[in-house]
Amino acid sequence: MDREGLAEQALQQKFRITRFKAGYDLDQVDQLLDEAVLALRDGAEPGQIVQLLMTARLTQTRWRDGYRIDDVDDFLDSLVRSLSQG
């Protein structure tokens, strides 16, 4: 997939919400994806974007809404794979 396609995919991605179970902080995940979209659209090197995604430390929530950890991890892994392939 091309860079703009990856950027659109990141913008449109929806994650399931958790309650009373561990999940990733909603705002942190949204901010990370926004940073990735900007990097994709600004022409950053794929390795830089991969580094951004791989080194992100997302806070887990328990008593408030969060994104399902496995959903977010799977999506970030797919972005990293796509960027690493091309």
C-alpha atoms as a PDB file:
ATOM      1  CA  MET A   1       0.000   0.000   0.000  1.00  0.00           C
ATOM      2  CA  ASP A   2       1.257   3.495  -0.770  1.00  0.00           C
ATOM      3  CA  ARG A   3       1.977   6.130   1.878  1.00  0.00           C
ATOM      4  CA  GLU A   4      -1.296   7.990   1.385  1.00  0.00           C
ATOM      5  CA  GLY A   5      -3.200   4.711   1.598  1.00  0.00           C
ATOM      6  CA  LEU A   6      -1.464   3.906   4.887  1.00  0.00           C
ATOM      7  CA  ALA A   7      -2.190   7.419   6.180  1.00  0.00           C
ATOM      8  CA  GLU A   8      -5.886   7.072   5.301  1.00  0.00           C
ATOM      9  CA  GLN A   9      -6.016   3.624   6.888  1.00  0.00           C
ATOM     10  CA  ALA A  10      -4.548   5.053  10.111  1.00  0.00           C
ATOM     11  CA  LEU A  11      -7.047   7.929  10.088  1.00  0.00           C
ATOM     12  CA  GLN A  12     -10.022   5.643   9.534  1.00  0.00           C
ATOM     13  CA  GLN A  13      -8.973   2.845  11.899  1.00  0.00           C
ATOM     14  CA  LYS A  14     -11.484   2.068  14.643  1.00  0.00           C
ATOM     15  CA  PHE A  15     -10.624   0.069  17.746  1.00  0.00           C
ATOM     16  CA  ARG A  16     -12.927  -1.691  20.157  1.00  0.00           C
ATOM     17  CA  ILE A  17     -13.330   0.014  23.553  1.00  0.00           C
ATOM     18  CA  THR A  18     -12.669  -1.726  26.862  1.00  0.00           C
ATOM     19  CA  ARG A  19     -14.216  -0.937  30.227  1.00  0.00           C
ATOM     20  CA  PHE A  20     -12.958  -2.234  33.560  1.00  0.00           C
ATOM     21  CA  LYS A  21     -10.252  -4.205  31.723  1.00  0.00           C
ATOM     22  CA  ALA A  22      -6.798  -3.127  30.665  1.00  0.00           C
ATOM     23  CA  GLY A  23      -6.752  -1.021  27.513  1.00  0.00           C
ATOM     24  CA  TYR A  24      -4.565   1.649  25.950  1.00  0.00           C
ATOM     25  CA  ASP A  25      -5.218   5.300  26.741  1.00  0.00           C
ATOM     26  CA  LEU A  26      -7.498   6.645  23.985  1.00  0.00           C
ATOM     27  CA  ASP A  27      -5.764  10.014  23.632  1.00  0.00           C
ATOM     28  CA  GLN A  28      -2.267   8.516  23.478  1.00  0.00           C
ATOM     29  CA  VAL A  29      -3.212   6.067  20.728  1.00  0.00           C
ATOM     30  CA  ASP A  30      -4.971   8.790  18.752  1.00  0.00           C
ATOM     31  CA  GLN A  31      -1.942  11.080  19.119  1.00  0.00           C
ATOM     32  CA  LEU A  32       0.466   8.334  18.012  1.00  0.00           C
ATOM     33  CA  LEU A  33      -1.609   7.643  14.908  1.00  0.00           C
ATOM     34  CA  ASP A  34      -1.823  11.385  14.157  1.00  0.00           C
ATOM     35  CA  GLU A  35       1.978  11.605  14.368  1.00  0.00           C
ATOM     36  CA  ALA A  36       2.324   8.611  12.049  1.00  0.00           C
ATOM     37  CA  VAL A  37      -0.088  10.167   9.535  1.00  0.00           C
ATOM     38  CA  LEU A  38       1.844  13.444   9.565  1.00  0.00           C
ATOM     39  CA  ALA A  39       5.125  11.596   9.085  1.00  0.00           C
ATOM     40  CA  LEU A  40       3.684   9.584   6.187  1.00  0.00           C
ATOM     41  CA  ARG A  41       2.337  12.693   4.492  1.00  0.00           C
ATOM     42  CA  ASP A  42       5.455  14.792   5.156  1.00  0.00           C
ATOM     43  CA  GLY A  43       7.710  12.247   3.448  1.00  0.00           C
ATOM     44  CA  ALA A  44       9.554  10.937   6.502  1.00  0.00           C
ATOM     45  CA  GLU A  45      11.726   7.910   5.867  1.00  0.00           C
ATOM     46  CA  PRO A  46       9.889   4.620   6.503  1.00  0.00           C
ATOM     47  CA  GLY A  47      12.528   3.686   9.086  1.00  0.00           C
ATOM     48  CA  GLN A  48      11.752   6.829  11.073  1.00  0.00           C
ATOM     49  CA  ILE A  49       8.059   6.015  11.137  1.00  0.00           C
ATOM     50  CA  VAL A  50       8.766   2.415  12.115  1.00  0.00           C
ATOM     51  CA  GLN A  51      10.981   3.708  14.936  1.00  0.00           C
ATOM     52  CA  LEU A  52       8.180   6.026  16.100  1.00  0.00           C
ATOM     53  CA  LEU A  53       5.699   3.156  16.203  1.00  0.00           C
ATOM     54  CA  MET A  54       8.064   0.607  17.748  1.00  0.00           C
ATOM     55  CA  THR A  55       9.291   2.862  20.559  1.00  0.00           C
ATOM     56  CA  ALA A  56       5.893   4.269  21.548  1.00  0.00           C
ATOM     57  CA  ARG A  57       5.023   3.571  25.177  1.00  0.00           C
ATOM     58  CA  LEU A  58       1.291   3.627  25.601  1.00  0.00           C
ATOM     59  CA  THR A  59      -0.248   3.914  29.047  1.00  0.00           C
ATOM     60  CA  GLN A  60      -2.715   1.234  30.013  1.00  0.00           C
ATOM     61  CA  THR A  61      -6.038   2.197  31.563  1.00  0.00           C
ATOM     62  CA  ARG A  62      -8.242   0.083  33.751  1.00  0.00           C
ATOM     63  CA  TRP A  63     -10.982   2.186  35.323  1.00  0.00           C
ATOM     64  CA  ARG A  64     -11.808   4.297  32.308  1.00  0.00           C
ATOM     65  CA  ASP A  65     -12.384   3.600  28.630  1.00  0.00           C
ATOM     66  CA  GLY A  66      -9.422   2.382  26.630  1.00  0.00           C
ATOM     67  CA  TYR A  67      -8.719   0.812  23.270  1.00  0.00           C
ATOM     68  CA  ARG A  68      -8.345  -2.971  23.267  1.00  0.00           C
ATOM     69  CA  ILE A  69      -4.654  -3.705  23.510  1.00  0.00           C
ATOM     70  CA  ASP A  70      -4.669  -6.553  20.999  1.00  0.00           C
ATOM     71  CA  ASP A  71      -6.536  -4.428  18.420  1.00  0.00           C
ATOM     72  CA  VAL A  72      -4.035  -1.584  18.691  1.00  0.00           C
ATOM     73  CA  ASP A  73      -0.977  -3.866  18.745  1.00  0.00           C
ATOM     74  CA  ASP A  74      -2.214  -5.774  15.682  1.00  0.00           C
ATOM     75  CA  PHE A  75      -2.820  -2.576  13.750  1.00  0.00           C
ATOM     76  CA  LEU A  76       0.546  -1.061  14.676  1.00  0.00           C
ATOM     77  CA  ASP A  77       2.250  -4.333  13.687  1.00  0.00           C
ATOM     78  CA  SER A  78       0.515  -4.222  10.298  1.00  0.00           C
ATOM     79  CA  LEU A  79       1.699  -0.633   9.740  1.00  0.00           C
ATOM     80  CA  VAL A  80       5.260  -1.598  10.638  1.00  0.00           C
ATOM     81  CA  ARG A  81       5.127  -4.585   8.253  1.00  0.00           C
ATOM     82  CA  SER A  82       3.798  -2.416   5.419  1.00  0.00           C
ATOM     83  CA  LEU A  83       6.474   0.227   5.968  1.00  0.00           C
ATOM     84  CA  SER A  84       9.226  -2.376   6.237  1.00  0.00           C
ATOM     85  CA  GLN A  85       8.218  -4.003   2.942  1.00  0.00           C
ATOM     86  CA  GLY A  86       8.267  -0.925   0.838  1.00  0.00           C
END
